Amino acid sequence: MAALRIRRPIQFADLIRKYRLFVDDVQMGEIRPDSEIEIQVTPGTHCVLARIDWCSSNSLQIEIEQGQVFDLEVGSNIRGWRMYIGFIYVFFLRSQYLYLRCTS
């Protein structure tokens, strides 16, 4: 087996909300702020995505090998000055509301 280790920092946006984590279009878990989750996956290519309500993150295509732990971070793009235009992300940039990036 292999694993995805996903971390979520503390951010003001969505502070009391959980993000749903999907691997290959199957919900594999939920993550709260300032926490980490490890999801067991089979070696190979996987598509990873995070969602909150009707908004989502970018889709990440990853190749993972047997025994490998792949580190990712998920969070909200609604921070700093973007807090003032958050409604634009909610209604028009739904697939950019969250970010998902490799940290390993």
N, C-alpha and C. Protein backbone atom coordinates (compact mmCIF):
# COMPACT_ATOMS: atom_id res chain seq x y z
N MET A 1 0.84 -1.20 0.00
CA MET A 1 0.00 0.00 0.00
C MET A 1 0.87 1.25 0.00
N ALA A 2 0.23 2.37 -0.27
CA ALA A 2 0.85 3.69 -0.24
C ALA A 2 -0.11 4.60 0.51
N ALA A 3 0.31 5.83 0.76
CA ALA A 3 -0.55 6.72 1.54
C ALA A 3 -0.45 8.16 1.06
N LEU A 4 -1.55 8.87 1.22
CA LEU A 4 -1.59 10.31 1.03
C LEU A 4 -1.70 10.92 2.42
N ARG A 5 -0.78 11.82 2.75
CA ARG A 5 -0.86 12.52 4.04
C ARG A 5 -1.23 13.96 3.72
N ILE A 6 -2.42 14.37 4.17
CA ILE A 6 -2.94 15.69 3.82
C ILE A 6 -3.05 16.53 5.08
N ARG A 7 -2.48 17.74 5.02
CA ARG A 7 -2.50 18.67 6.15
C ARG A 7 -3.32 19.89 5.78
N ARG A 8 -4.01 20.41 6.79
CA ARG A 8 -4.79 21.64 6.60
C ARG A 8 -4.40 22.65 7.68
N PRO A 9 -3.92 23.83 7.29
CA PRO A 9 -3.54 24.85 8.27
C PRO A 9 -4.77 25.56 8.84
N ILE A 10 -4.55 26.34 9.88
CA ILE A 10 -5.62 27.18 10.42
C ILE A 10 -5.73 28.42 9.54
N GLN A 11 -6.93 28.70 9.08
CA GLN A 11 -7.21 29.90 8.30
C GLN A 11 -8.57 30.44 8.75
N PHE A 12 -8.74 31.74 8.65
CA PHE A 12 -10.00 32.35 9.09
C PHE A 12 -11.18 31.83 8.28
N ALA A 13 -11.02 31.76 6.96
CA ALA A 13 -12.10 31.25 6.11
C ALA A 13 -12.36 29.78 6.44
N ASP A 14 -13.60 29.44 6.60
CA ASP A 14 -14.02 28.05 6.87
C ASP A 14 -13.45 27.49 8.17
N LEU A 15 -13.23 28.35 9.14
CA LEU A 15 -12.59 27.95 10.39
C LEU A 15 -13.34 26.84 11.12
N ILE A 16 -14.66 26.83 11.04
CA ILE A 16 -15.42 25.79 11.75
C ILE A 16 -15.99 24.73 10.81
N ARG A 17 -15.49 24.69 9.58
CA ARG A 17 -15.99 23.76 8.58
C ARG A 17 -14.97 22.68 8.26
N LYS A 18 -15.47 21.54 7.81
CA LYS A 18 -14.62 20.44 7.36
C LYS A 18 -14.57 20.44 5.83
N TYR A 19 -13.43 20.03 5.29
CA TYR A 19 -13.31 19.82 3.85
C TYR A 19 -13.43 18.32 3.60
N ARG A 20 -14.13 17.95 2.55
CA ARG A 20 -14.24 16.55 2.15
C ARG A 20 -13.13 16.24 1.15
N LEU A 21 -12.48 15.11 1.32
CA LEU A 21 -11.36 14.71 0.48
C LEU A 21 -11.77 13.54 -0.41
N PHE A 22 -11.49 13.69 -1.71
CA PHE A 22 -11.87 12.68 -2.68
C PHE A 22 -10.63 12.15 -3.39
N VAL A 23 -10.59 10.83 -3.57
CA VAL A 23 -9.55 10.18 -4.36
C VAL A 23 -10.28 9.38 -5.42
N ASP A 24 -10.00 9.70 -6.67
CA ASP A 24 -10.66 9.03 -7.80
C ASP A 24 -12.18 9.10 -7.69
N ASP A 25 -12.70 10.27 -7.35
CA ASP A 25 -14.14 10.56 -7.24
C ASP A 25 -14.86 9.80 -6.12
N VAL A 26 -14.12 9.27 -5.16
CA VAL A 26 -14.70 8.58 -4.01
C VAL A 26 -14.29 9.34 -2.75
N GLN A 27 -15.28 9.72 -1.93
CA GLN A 27 -14.93 10.44 -0.70
C GLN A 27 -14.19 9.50 0.24
N MET A 28 -12.98 9.94 0.65
CA MET A 28 -12.12 9.09 1.47
C MET A 28 -11.94 9.64 2.89
N GLY A 29 -12.47 10.82 3.17
CA GLY A 29 -12.33 11.37 4.50
C GLY A 29 -12.69 12.83 4.55
N GLU A 30 -12.59 13.38 5.76
CA GLU A 30 -12.84 14.80 6.00
C GLU A 30 -11.71 15.34 6.85
N ILE A 31 -11.43 16.63 6.70
CA ILE A 31 -10.33 17.23 7.45
C ILE A 31 -10.77 18.57 8.04
N ARG A 32 -10.42 18.77 9.30
CA ARG A 32 -10.71 20.02 10.01
C ARG A 32 -9.47 20.90 10.01
N PRO A 33 -9.63 22.19 10.35
CA PRO A 33 -8.46 23.08 10.43
C PRO A 33 -7.42 22.57 11.43
N ASP A 34 -6.16 22.84 11.15
CA ASP A 34 -5.03 22.47 12.00
C ASP A 34 -4.99 20.98 12.29
N SER A 35 -5.24 20.20 11.26
CA SER A 35 -5.18 18.75 11.44
C SER A 35 -4.55 18.10 10.21
N GLU A 36 -4.37 16.80 10.33
CA GLU A 36 -3.72 16.01 9.30
C GLU A 36 -4.47 14.69 9.19
N ILE A 37 -4.59 14.18 7.98
CA ILE A 37 -5.25 12.89 7.77
C ILE A 37 -4.36 12.07 6.83
N GLU A 38 -4.33 10.78 7.06
CA GLU A 38 -3.59 9.88 6.19
C GLU A 38 -4.58 8.92 5.54
N ILE A 39 -4.54 8.87 4.22
CA ILE A 39 -5.45 8.03 3.44
C ILE A 39 -4.64 6.96 2.73
N GLN A 40 -4.98 5.71 2.96
CA GLN A 40 -4.31 4.60 2.31
C GLN A 40 -4.83 4.45 0.89
N VAL A 41 -3.93 4.32 -0.06
CA VAL A 41 -4.30 4.14 -1.47
C VAL A 41 -3.43 3.04 -2.07
N THR A 42 -3.86 2.53 -3.19
CA THR A 42 -3.06 1.55 -3.91
C THR A 42 -2.01 2.29 -4.73
N PRO A 43 -0.88 1.69 -4.98
CA PRO A 43 0.12 2.33 -5.84
C PRO A 43 -0.45 2.58 -7.23
N GLY A 44 0.00 3.65 -7.86
CA GLY A 44 -0.48 3.98 -9.19
C GLY A 44 -0.84 5.45 -9.30
N THR A 45 -1.62 5.78 -10.33
CA THR A 45 -2.03 7.15 -10.58
C THR A 45 -3.39 7.40 -9.96
N HIS A 46 -3.51 8.51 -9.25
CA HIS A 46 -4.77 8.87 -8.59
C HIS A 46 -5.07 10.35 -8.82
N CYS A 47 -6.35 10.67 -8.81
CA CYS A 47 -6.82 12.05 -8.92
C CYS A 47 -7.35 12.45 -7.54
N VAL A 48 -6.81 13.53 -6.97
CA VAL A 48 -7.17 13.97 -5.62
C VAL A 48 -7.85 15.33 -5.73
N LEU A 49 -8.91 15.52 -4.93
CA LEU A 49 -9.70 16.74 -4.96
C LEU A 49 -10.28 17.00 -3.57
N ALA A 50 -10.42 18.26 -3.21
CA ALA A 50 -11.06 18.64 -1.95
C ALA A 50 -12.32 19.42 -2.28
N ARG A 51 -13.36 19.28 -1.44
CA ARG A 51 -14.62 19.98 -1.66
C ARG A 51 -15.16 20.55 -0.36
N ILE A 52 -15.89 21.65 -0.50
CA ILE A 52 -16.71 22.20 0.57
C ILE A 52 -17.98 22.71 -0.11
N ASP A 53 -19.10 22.17 0.26
CA ASP A 53 -20.38 22.49 -0.37
C ASP A 53 -20.24 22.32 -1.89
N TRP A 54 -20.57 23.33 -2.67
CA TRP A 54 -20.49 23.23 -4.13
C TRP A 54 -19.16 23.76 -4.68
N CYS A 55 -18.26 24.14 -3.80
CA CYS A 55 -16.96 24.65 -4.21
C CYS A 55 -15.90 23.55 -4.07
N SER A 56 -14.79 23.72 -4.78
CA SER A 56 -13.76 22.68 -4.74
C SER A 56 -12.37 23.27 -4.92
N SER A 57 -11.42 22.38 -4.90
CA SER A 57 -10.02 22.74 -5.16
C SER A 57 -9.68 22.39 -6.60
N ASN A 58 -8.47 22.71 -6.96
CA ASN A 58 -7.92 22.20 -8.21
C ASN A 58 -7.80 20.68 -8.07
N SER A 59 -7.83 20.00 -9.17
CA SER A 59 -7.67 18.55 -9.18
C SER A 59 -6.19 18.24 -9.35
N LEU A 60 -5.67 17.35 -8.50
CA LEU A 60 -4.25 16.97 -8.58
C LEU A 60 -4.14 15.53 -9.07
N GLN A 61 -3.39 15.32 -10.11
CA GLN A 61 -3.10 13.98 -10.61
C GLN A 61 -1.75 13.58 -10.03
N ILE A 62 -1.70 12.51 -9.26
CA ILE A 62 -0.44 12.11 -8.64
C ILE A 62 -0.12 10.66 -8.99
N GLU A 63 1.16 10.38 -9.05
CA GLU A 63 1.67 9.02 -9.27
C GLU A 63 2.35 8.62 -7.96
N ILE A 64 1.89 7.55 -7.37
CA ILE A 64 2.42 7.13 -6.06
C ILE A 64 2.90 5.68 -6.16
N GLU A 65 4.03 5.43 -5.54
CA GLU A 65 4.64 4.10 -5.59
C GLU A 65 4.38 3.32 -4.30
N GLN A 66 4.60 2.03 -4.38
CA GLN A 66 4.43 1.13 -3.23
C GLN A 66 5.25 1.64 -2.05
N GLY A 67 4.62 1.77 -0.89
CA GLY A 67 5.31 2.18 0.34
C GLY A 67 5.56 3.67 0.46
N GLN A 68 5.24 4.44 -0.55
CA GLN A 68 5.48 5.88 -0.54
C GLN A 68 4.39 6.62 0.24
N VAL A 69 4.77 7.68 0.94
CA VAL A 69 3.82 8.58 1.58
C VAL A 69 3.92 9.92 0.85
N PHE A 70 2.84 10.35 0.27
CA PHE A 70 2.79 11.57 -0.54
C PHE A 70 2.16 12.68 0.30
N ASP A 71 2.88 13.78 0.53
CA ASP A 71 2.39 14.88 1.37
C ASP A 71 1.70 15.95 0.55
N LEU A 72 0.50 16.34 1.01
CA LEU A 72 -0.29 17.38 0.35
C LEU A 72 -0.77 18.38 1.39
N GLU A 73 -1.14 19.57 0.93
CA GLU A 73 -1.75 20.58 1.81
C GLU A 73 -3.00 21.10 1.13
N VAL A 74 -4.06 21.28 1.91
CA VAL A 74 -5.31 21.83 1.41
C VAL A 74 -5.66 23.04 2.25
N GLY A 75 -6.24 24.05 1.61
CA GLY A 75 -6.65 25.24 2.34
C GLY A 75 -7.52 26.12 1.46
N SER A 76 -7.92 27.25 2.01
CA SER A 76 -8.79 28.18 1.31
C SER A 76 -7.96 29.26 0.60
N ASN A 77 -8.35 29.58 -0.62
CA ASN A 77 -7.75 30.70 -1.33
C ASN A 77 -8.35 32.03 -0.87
N ILE A 78 -9.38 31.99 -0.04
CA ILE A 78 -10.04 33.19 0.45
C ILE A 78 -9.30 33.66 1.70
N ARG A 79 -8.27 34.47 1.49
CA ARG A 79 -7.48 35.00 2.60
C ARG A 79 -6.93 36.36 2.20
N GLY A 80 -6.57 37.15 3.20
CA GLY A 80 -6.06 38.48 2.93
C GLY A 80 -7.11 39.35 2.25
N TRP A 81 -6.72 40.08 1.23
CA TRP A 81 -7.63 40.97 0.51
C TRP A 81 -8.74 40.23 -0.21
N ARG A 82 -8.54 38.94 -0.47
CA ARG A 82 -9.58 38.15 -1.17
C ARG A 82 -10.82 37.94 -0.32
N MET A 83 -10.71 38.17 0.99
CA MET A 83 -11.88 38.06 1.86
C MET A 83 -12.97 39.03 1.40
N TYR A 84 -12.57 40.15 0.81
CA TYR A 84 -13.53 41.16 0.35
C TYR A 84 -14.26 40.75 -0.92
N ILE A 85 -13.71 39.81 -1.66
CA ILE A 85 -14.35 39.36 -2.90
C ILE A 85 -14.67 37.86 -2.84
N GLY A 86 -14.85 37.34 -1.65
CA GLY A 86 -15.13 35.92 -1.48
C GLY A 86 -16.33 35.44 -2.27
N PHE A 87 -17.34 36.30 -2.40
CA PHE A 87 -18.55 35.91 -3.14
C PHE A 87 -18.24 35.58 -4.60
N ILE A 88 -17.20 36.20 -5.17
CA ILE A 88 -16.83 35.90 -6.56
C ILE A 88 -16.35 34.45 -6.67
N TYR A 89 -15.59 34.00 -5.68
CA TYR A 89 -15.14 32.60 -5.66
C TYR A 89 -16.32 31.66 -5.48
N VAL A 90 -17.24 32.01 -4.60
CA VAL A 90 -18.38 31.14 -4.32
C VAL A 90 -19.28 30.98 -5.54
N PHE A 91 -19.47 32.04 -6.30
CA PHE A 91 -20.41 31.98 -7.42
C PHE A 91 -19.76 31.78 -8.78
N PHE A 92 -18.55 32.28 -9.00
CA PHE A 92 -17.97 32.24 -10.33
C PHE A 92 -16.67 31.44 -10.43
N LEU A 93 -15.92 31.34 -9.36
CA LEU A 93 -14.64 30.61 -9.37
C LEU A 93 -14.69 29.42 -8.40
N ARG A 94 -15.76 28.66 -8.49
CA ARG A 94 -16.00 27.58 -7.52
C ARG A 94 -14.88 26.56 -7.46
N SER A 95 -14.23 26.28 -8.59
CA SER A 95 -13.17 25.27 -8.60
C SER A 95 -11.83 25.85 -8.13
N GLN A 96 -11.81 27.13 -7.74
CA GLN A 96 -10.60 27.76 -7.23
C GLN A 96 -10.78 28.25 -5.79
N TYR A 97 -11.90 27.91 -5.18
CA TYR A 97 -12.18 28.34 -3.81
C TYR A 97 -11.14 27.76 -2.85
N LEU A 98 -10.78 26.49 -3.07
CA LEU A 98 -9.76 25.82 -2.25
C LEU A 98 -8.50 25.60 -3.09
N TYR A 99 -7.38 25.41 -2.41
CA TYR A 99 -6.17 25.00 -3.12
C TYR A 99 -5.75 23.63 -2.59
N LEU A 100 -5.11 22.87 -3.43
CA LEU A 100 -4.53 21.58 -3.07
C LEU A 100 -3.17 21.54 -3.74
N ARG A 101 -2.11 21.35 -2.94
CA ARG A 101 -0.76 21.37 -3.50
C ARG A 101 0.13 20.33 -2.83
N CYS A 102 1.13 19.92 -3.57
CA CYS A 102 2.12 18.96 -3.06
C CYS A 102 3.08 19.69 -2.13
N THR A 103 3.46 19.03 -1.06
CA THR A 103 4.44 19.59 -0.14
C THR A 103 5.64 18.67 0.00
N SER A 104 5.64 17.56 -0.70
CA SER A 104 6.77 16.63 -0.60
C SER A 104 7.66 16.71 -1.82
